[in-house]
Amino acid sequence: MKPNPSQKLSRPARRAVLVVHVIASAGWLGLTLGLLALGTTAATTGSAVTVEASVRAMRLFADWLLLPVAYLTLLSGLVLSLGTPWGLARHRWVCTKFWLTLATTTATVFALRPGVNSAVAAVAAGGPLPDAGDVLFGPVVSLSAYVFMTVISVLKPWGLTRRGRRLRAPVRRSLQDS
């Protein structure tokens, strides 16, 4: 029997992907809190050794942990949205979460990591932290986005999209005809 591409995930598969998604999302949030703590330490301490240790630890987080967790969050969220009745474009909160996850992942690649790497290069060369914004801005923006995404995941605001209303209309009509 050929699988139907529009077929939804089985209950055990959905639950497994949901667990992976929640763990990856919580990990991403935790890593961001760690980055914020390290960035705050680097920006506020008077010790050159502490600044260097903080930005080097940030680079470790950014290079080895943040991107795999971000990609896992994005992928598991996509699988959940496409494999469950929530859909990717049926509910506004799901669309919002998808685009914010994509934007924060992209910002990690093109803004946060380069900012941390430039801070490490400057500090490793014996100079001061060039700009506190390089180590603080990314984690603050990311943390704000993740908290917002967590809130809308719990509250599920805003209702259906236009596509969601269109897809739901035939179901309502068939229920009324029964």
Protein backbone atom coordinates (compact mmCIF):
# COMPACT_ATOMS: atom_id res chain seq x y z
CA MET A 1 0.00 0.00 0.00
CA LYS A 2 1.36 3.38 -1.02
CA PRO A 3 1.48 6.05 1.74
CA ASN A 4 -0.70 9.09 1.16
CA PRO A 5 1.44 12.28 1.28
CA SER A 6 -1.42 14.18 2.90
CA GLN A 7 -1.75 11.50 5.59
CA LYS A 8 -1.18 12.81 9.09
CA LEU A 9 1.36 11.42 11.56
CA SER A 10 0.27 8.50 13.69
CA ARG A 11 -0.29 9.29 17.35
CA PRO A 12 3.02 7.72 18.52
CA ALA A 13 4.96 9.49 15.75
CA ARG A 14 3.27 12.82 16.50
CA ARG A 15 4.04 12.49 20.20
CA ALA A 16 7.67 11.56 19.50
CA VAL A 17 8.16 14.55 17.18
CA LEU A 18 6.41 16.80 19.70
CA VAL A 19 8.79 15.65 22.46
CA VAL A 20 11.79 16.30 20.19
CA HIS A 21 10.40 19.73 19.30
CA VAL A 22 9.78 20.75 22.91
CA ILE A 23 13.23 19.53 24.02
CA ALA A 24 14.97 21.28 21.12
CA SER A 25 13.00 24.50 21.70
CA ALA A 26 13.75 24.44 25.43
CA GLY A 27 17.41 23.77 24.62
CA TRP A 28 17.48 26.74 22.26
CA LEU A 29 15.93 28.93 24.93
CA GLY A 30 18.44 27.68 27.52
CA LEU A 31 21.40 28.24 25.22
CA THR A 32 20.17 31.76 24.56
CA LEU A 33 19.91 32.45 28.30
CA GLY A 34 23.47 31.14 28.65
CA LEU A 35 24.63 33.41 25.83
CA LEU A 36 22.91 36.36 27.47
CA ALA A 37 24.60 35.61 30.82
CA LEU A 38 28.02 35.28 29.14
CA GLY A 39 27.46 38.43 27.05
CA THR A 40 26.38 40.42 30.10
CA THR A 41 29.47 39.20 31.96
CA ALA A 42 31.74 40.18 29.05
CA ALA A 43 30.11 43.61 28.71
CA THR A 44 30.14 44.50 32.42
CA THR A 45 33.30 43.01 33.87
CA GLY A 46 36.51 44.92 34.26
CA SER A 47 38.69 41.84 33.92
CA ALA A 48 40.24 41.18 30.50
CA VAL A 49 40.62 37.49 31.40
CA THR A 50 36.89 37.21 32.22
CA VAL A 51 35.93 39.04 29.02
CA GLU A 52 38.04 36.65 26.96
CA ALA A 53 36.70 33.56 28.75
CA SER A 54 33.13 34.78 28.31
CA VAL A 55 33.37 35.49 24.58
CA ARG A 56 35.24 32.24 23.94
CA ALA A 57 32.48 30.33 25.75
CA MET A 58 29.92 32.23 23.66
CA ARG A 59 31.70 31.13 20.51
CA LEU A 60 31.57 27.51 21.68
CA PHE A 61 27.81 27.81 22.23
CA ALA A 62 27.27 29.60 18.92
CA ASP A 63 29.46 27.33 16.79
CA TRP A 64 28.74 23.89 18.22
CA LEU A 65 25.37 23.96 19.96
CA LEU A 66 23.13 26.76 18.76
CA LEU A 67 22.81 25.91 15.06
CA PRO A 68 22.10 22.17 15.45
CA VAL A 69 19.45 22.94 18.07
CA ALA A 70 17.98 25.72 15.90
CA TYR A 71 17.80 23.43 12.85
CA LEU A 72 16.27 20.63 14.94
CA THR A 73 13.64 23.03 16.27
CA LEU A 74 12.85 24.28 12.76
CA LEU A 75 12.69 20.77 11.27
CA SER A 76 10.61 19.23 14.07
CA GLY A 77 8.21 22.19 13.99
CA LEU A 78 7.83 21.81 10.24
CA VAL A 79 7.15 18.07 10.57
CA LEU A 80 4.58 18.76 13.29
CA SER A 81 2.81 21.44 11.30
CA LEU A 82 2.67 19.37 8.12
CA GLY A 83 1.88 16.08 9.86
CA THR A 84 -0.92 17.26 12.16
CA PRO A 85 -4.26 19.01 11.70
CA TRP A 86 -2.65 22.30 12.77
CA GLY A 87 -1.07 22.63 9.34
CA LEU A 88 1.58 25.16 8.34
CA ALA A 89 -0.77 27.75 6.86
CA ARG A 90 -4.08 27.09 8.60
CA HIS A 91 -3.57 28.92 11.88
CA ARG A 92 -1.97 32.33 12.27
CA TRP A 93 0.00 31.34 15.37
CA VAL A 94 1.61 28.41 13.51
CA CYS A 95 2.60 30.67 10.59
CA THR A 96 3.97 33.25 13.00
CA LYS A 97 6.03 30.63 14.85
CA PHE A 98 7.39 29.21 11.60
CA TRP A 99 8.51 32.58 10.25
CA LEU A 100 9.98 33.69 13.59
CA THR A 101 11.88 30.42 13.91
CA LEU A 102 13.21 30.81 10.37
CA ALA A 103 14.14 34.46 11.05
CA THR A 104 15.93 33.70 14.33
CA THR A 105 17.80 30.79 12.76
CA THR A 106 18.89 33.04 9.90
CA ALA A 107 19.88 35.80 12.33
CA THR A 108 21.96 33.28 14.28
CA VAL A 109 23.88 32.39 11.14
CA PHE A 110 24.34 35.87 9.70
CA ALA A 111 24.38 38.18 12.75
CA LEU A 112 24.93 36.47 16.10
CA ARG A 113 27.77 34.15 15.11
CA PRO A 114 29.72 36.80 13.15
CA GLY A 115 29.29 39.27 16.03
CA VAL A 116 30.58 36.76 18.58
CA ASN A 117 33.45 35.72 16.30
CA SER A 118 34.55 39.33 15.79
CA ALA A 119 34.43 39.90 19.56
CA VAL A 120 36.59 36.80 20.12
CA ALA A 121 39.09 37.90 17.48
CA ALA A 122 39.42 41.39 18.99
CA VAL A 123 39.76 40.14 22.57
CA ALA A 124 42.16 37.32 21.61
CA ALA A 125 44.39 39.93 19.92
CA GLY A 126 44.70 41.68 23.28
CA GLY A 127 42.18 44.42 22.66
CA PRO A 128 39.05 45.31 24.60
CA LEU A 129 35.58 44.12 23.73
CA PRO A 130 34.92 46.18 20.59
CA ASP A 131 31.17 46.62 21.04
CA ALA A 132 28.98 45.24 23.81
CA GLY A 133 26.16 45.09 21.26
CA ASP A 134 28.01 42.30 19.44
CA VAL A 135 27.54 40.01 22.43
CA LEU A 136 24.27 41.35 23.85
CA PHE A 137 21.97 42.29 20.98
CA GLY A 138 21.59 38.80 19.48
CA PRO A 139 20.74 37.01 22.71
CA VAL A 140 18.29 39.74 23.79
CA VAL A 141 16.44 39.67 20.46
CA SER A 142 16.46 35.86 20.34
CA LEU A 143 15.24 35.54 23.90
CA SER A 144 12.38 37.95 23.19
CA ALA A 145 11.39 35.94 20.10
CA TYR A 146 11.52 32.59 21.93
CA VAL A 147 9.46 33.84 24.85
CA PHE A 148 6.90 35.24 22.40
CA MET A 149 6.79 31.94 20.48
CA THR A 150 6.33 30.01 23.72
CA VAL A 151 3.43 32.26 24.71
CA ILE A 152 1.64 31.85 21.38
CA SER A 153 2.25 28.08 21.47
CA VAL A 154 0.39 27.93 24.75
CA LEU A 155 -2.36 30.47 24.01
CA LYS A 156 -2.84 29.73 20.27
CA PRO A 157 -4.26 33.18 19.48
CA TRP A 158 -5.60 34.82 16.31
CA GLY A 159 -7.65 32.01 14.81
CA LEU A 160 -7.54 30.61 11.32
CA THR A 161 -5.84 32.06 8.28
CA ARG A 162 -7.87 32.65 5.11
CA ARG A 163 -6.63 29.28 3.85
CA GLY A 164 -7.63 27.63 7.12
CA ARG A 165 -11.15 29.06 6.91
CA ARG A 166 -11.45 27.89 3.31
CA LEU A 167 -10.32 24.36 4.24
CA ARG A 168 -12.67 24.21 7.22
CA ALA A 169 -15.76 25.38 5.28
CA PRO A 170 -16.35 22.07 3.40
CA VAL A 171 -16.07 20.15 6.69
CA ARG A 172 -18.72 22.34 8.31
CA ARG A 173 -21.02 22.01 5.29
CA SER A 174 -20.73 18.21 5.29
CA LEU A 175 -21.47 18.12 9.03
CA GLN A 176 -24.58 20.28 8.52
CA ASP A 177 -25.77 18.04 5.68
CA SER A 178 -25.58 14.93 7.89
